Amino acid sequence: MYGLLSTYSSASQVMIEFSGNDASADYTTVTWLDPCYREFYSNAANKYVVFWYKEDTDTVYCEAVSMSKSKTPRFPVENLMRVERLGDRCA
């Protein structure tokens, strides 16, 4: 997936960030992801929501990405946390 991201660029003006140790970000609810999804739905060209984790700051970042010319992803592969696309979510 990381290699595929080189054909996408961020459509987000500012990356959305939140604490990596936020107890509400426990995957039992999806409301903590809402700002990321609102960013995704703000542009019909967006294809993925990408989540990055920076361990040194314990921060999660998300951005919406759309197809573009070849570009280096924002963070190295070890910071890639998850990638989501439009469709049904796993339970």
C-alpha atoms as a PDB file:
ATOM      1  CA  MET A   1       0.000   0.000   0.000  1.00  0.00           C
ATOM      2  CA  TYR A   2       2.806   2.397   0.853  1.00  0.00           C
ATOM      3  CA  GLY A   3       4.204   2.123  -2.686  1.00  0.00           C
ATOM      4  CA  LEU A   4       0.779   2.892  -4.126  1.00  0.00           C
ATOM      5  CA  LEU A   5       0.608   6.098  -2.075  1.00  0.00           C
ATOM      6  CA  SER A   6       3.396   7.550  -4.216  1.00  0.00           C
ATOM      7  CA  THR A   7       0.778   8.059  -6.952  1.00  0.00           C
ATOM      8  CA  TYR A   8      -1.424  10.124  -4.622  1.00  0.00           C
ATOM      9  CA  SER A   9      -1.027  13.502  -3.002  1.00  0.00           C
ATOM     10  CA  SER A  10      -2.624  15.081   0.009  1.00  0.00           C
ATOM     11  CA  ALA A  11      -5.799  17.004  -0.650  1.00  0.00           C
ATOM     12  CA  SER A  12      -5.812  18.201   2.962  1.00  0.00           C
ATOM     13  CA  GLN A  13      -4.692  21.773   3.516  1.00  0.00           C
ATOM     14  CA  VAL A  14      -3.753  20.973   7.099  1.00  0.00           C
ATOM     15  CA  MET A  15      -3.295  17.482   8.467  1.00  0.00           C
ATOM     16  CA  ILE A  16      -5.797  16.563  11.158  1.00  0.00           C
ATOM     17  CA  GLU A  17      -4.050  15.412  14.301  1.00  0.00           C
ATOM     18  CA  PHE A  18      -5.068  13.872  17.584  1.00  0.00           C
ATOM     19  CA  SER A  19      -3.388  12.186  20.515  1.00  0.00           C
ATOM     20  CA  GLY A  20      -2.299   8.612  19.978  1.00  0.00           C
ATOM     21  CA  ASN A  21      -3.198   7.789  23.574  1.00  0.00           C
ATOM     22  CA  ASP A  22      -6.734   9.224  23.426  1.00  0.00           C
ATOM     23  CA  ALA A  23      -8.892   6.665  25.250  1.00  0.00           C
ATOM     24  CA  SER A  24     -11.866   7.464  22.990  1.00  0.00           C
ATOM     25  CA  ALA A  25      -9.827   6.374  19.950  1.00  0.00           C
ATOM     26  CA  ASP A  26     -10.365   2.728  20.825  1.00  0.00           C
ATOM     27  CA  TYR A  27     -12.091   1.567  17.618  1.00  0.00           C
ATOM     28  CA  THR A  28     -15.291   0.756  19.551  1.00  0.00           C
ATOM     29  CA  THR A  29     -16.767   3.966  18.152  1.00  0.00           C
ATOM     30  CA  VAL A  30     -16.058   5.798  14.932  1.00  0.00           C
ATOM     31  CA  THR A  31     -16.821   9.355  16.045  1.00  0.00           C
ATOM     32  CA  TRP A  32     -13.161  10.065  16.784  1.00  0.00           C
ATOM     33  CA  LEU A  33     -12.538   9.569  13.049  1.00  0.00           C
ATOM     34  CA  ASP A  34     -15.249  12.009  11.957  1.00  0.00           C
ATOM     35  CA  PRO A  35     -12.933  14.961  11.155  1.00  0.00           C
ATOM     36  CA  CYS A  36     -10.894  12.678   8.899  1.00  0.00           C
ATOM     37  CA  TYR A  37     -13.990  11.483   7.072  1.00  0.00           C
ATOM     38  CA  ARG A  38     -15.381  15.000   6.702  1.00  0.00           C
ATOM     39  CA  GLU A  39     -12.090  15.937   5.037  1.00  0.00           C
ATOM     40  CA  PHE A  40     -12.386  12.913   2.743  1.00  0.00           C
ATOM     41  CA  TYR A  41     -15.952  13.733   1.682  1.00  0.00           C
ATOM     42  CA  SER A  42     -15.131  17.401   1.058  1.00  0.00           C
ATOM     43  CA  ASN A  43     -13.687  16.562  -2.378  1.00  0.00           C
ATOM     44  CA  ALA A  44     -15.092  13.948  -4.764  1.00  0.00           C
ATOM     45  CA  ALA A  45     -11.587  13.302  -6.150  1.00  0.00           C
ATOM     46  CA  ASN A  46     -10.335  11.955  -2.806  1.00  0.00           C
ATOM     47  CA  LYS A  47      -9.687   8.212  -2.912  1.00  0.00           C
ATOM     48  CA  TYR A  48      -8.266   7.300   0.495  1.00  0.00           C
ATOM     49  CA  VAL A  49      -8.036   8.470   4.083  1.00  0.00           C
ATOM     50  CA  VAL A  50      -4.493   7.833   5.294  1.00  0.00           C
ATOM     51  CA  PHE A  51      -3.593   7.607   8.973  1.00  0.00           C
ATOM     52  CA  TRP A  52      -0.026   8.171  10.127  1.00  0.00           C
ATOM     53  CA  TYR A  53       1.361   7.553  13.620  1.00  0.00           C
ATOM     54  CA  LYS A  54       4.402   9.327  15.037  1.00  0.00           C
ATOM     55  CA  GLU A  55       5.615   7.364  18.026  1.00  0.00           C
ATOM     56  CA  ASP A  56       8.033  10.022  19.286  1.00  0.00           C
ATOM     57  CA  THR A  57       5.159  12.478  19.785  1.00  0.00           C
ATOM     58  CA  ASP A  58       2.406   9.860  20.290  1.00  0.00           C
ATOM     59  CA  THR A  59       0.358  11.645  17.640  1.00  0.00           C
ATOM     60  CA  VAL A  60      -1.943  10.289  14.934  1.00  0.00           C
ATOM     61  CA  TYR A  61      -2.367  12.326  11.750  1.00  0.00           C
ATOM     62  CA  CYS A  62      -4.880  11.788   8.986  1.00  0.00           C
ATOM     63  CA  GLU A  63      -5.215  13.194   5.512  1.00  0.00           C
ATOM     64  CA  ALA A  64      -7.372  12.675   2.452  1.00  0.00           C
ATOM     65  CA  VAL A  65      -5.454  11.855  -0.721  1.00  0.00           C
ATOM     66  CA  SER A  66      -6.313  11.997  -4.405  1.00  0.00           C
ATOM     67  CA  MET A  67      -4.591  10.723  -7.561  1.00  0.00           C
ATOM     68  CA  SER A  68      -1.651  12.815  -8.755  1.00  0.00           C
ATOM     69  CA  LYS A  69       1.782  12.678 -10.312  1.00  0.00           C
ATOM     70  CA  SER A  70       4.424  10.608  -8.589  1.00  0.00           C
ATOM     71  CA  LYS A  71       5.148  12.009  -5.155  1.00  0.00           C
ATOM     72  CA  THR A  72       6.887  10.831  -2.001  1.00  0.00           C
ATOM     73  CA  PRO A  73       4.402  10.049   0.792  1.00  0.00           C
ATOM     74  CA  ARG A  74       4.386  12.507   3.682  1.00  0.00           C
ATOM     75  CA  PHE A  75       5.944  10.097   6.216  1.00  0.00           C
ATOM     76  CA  PRO A  76       8.161   7.006   5.938  1.00  0.00           C
ATOM     77  CA  VAL A  77       6.535   3.567   5.733  1.00  0.00           C
ATOM     78  CA  GLU A  78       7.059   2.821   9.433  1.00  0.00           C
ATOM     79  CA  ASN A  79       4.636   5.659  10.266  1.00  0.00           C
ATOM     80  CA  LEU A  80       1.792   4.263   8.142  1.00  0.00           C
ATOM     81  CA  MET A  81      -0.978   3.237  10.531  1.00  0.00           C
ATOM     82  CA  ARG A  82      -3.934   2.491   8.244  1.00  0.00           C
ATOM     83  CA  VAL A  83      -5.517   3.392   4.908  1.00  0.00           C
ATOM     84  CA  GLU A  84      -9.244   3.435   4.250  1.00  0.00           C
ATOM     85  CA  ARG A  85     -11.279   3.851   1.092  1.00  0.00           C
ATOM     86  CA  LEU A  86     -14.948   4.464   0.465  1.00  0.00           C
ATOM     87  CA  GLY A  87     -17.108   1.450   1.212  1.00  0.00           C
ATOM     88  CA  ASP A  88     -18.311  -0.718   4.050  1.00  0.00           C
ATOM     89  CA  ARG A  89     -16.053  -0.798   7.081  1.00  0.00           C
ATOM     90  CA  CYS A  90     -14.917  -4.009   8.714  1.00  0.00           C
ATOM     91  CA  ALA A  91     -16.739  -4.829  11.948  1.00  0.00           C
END
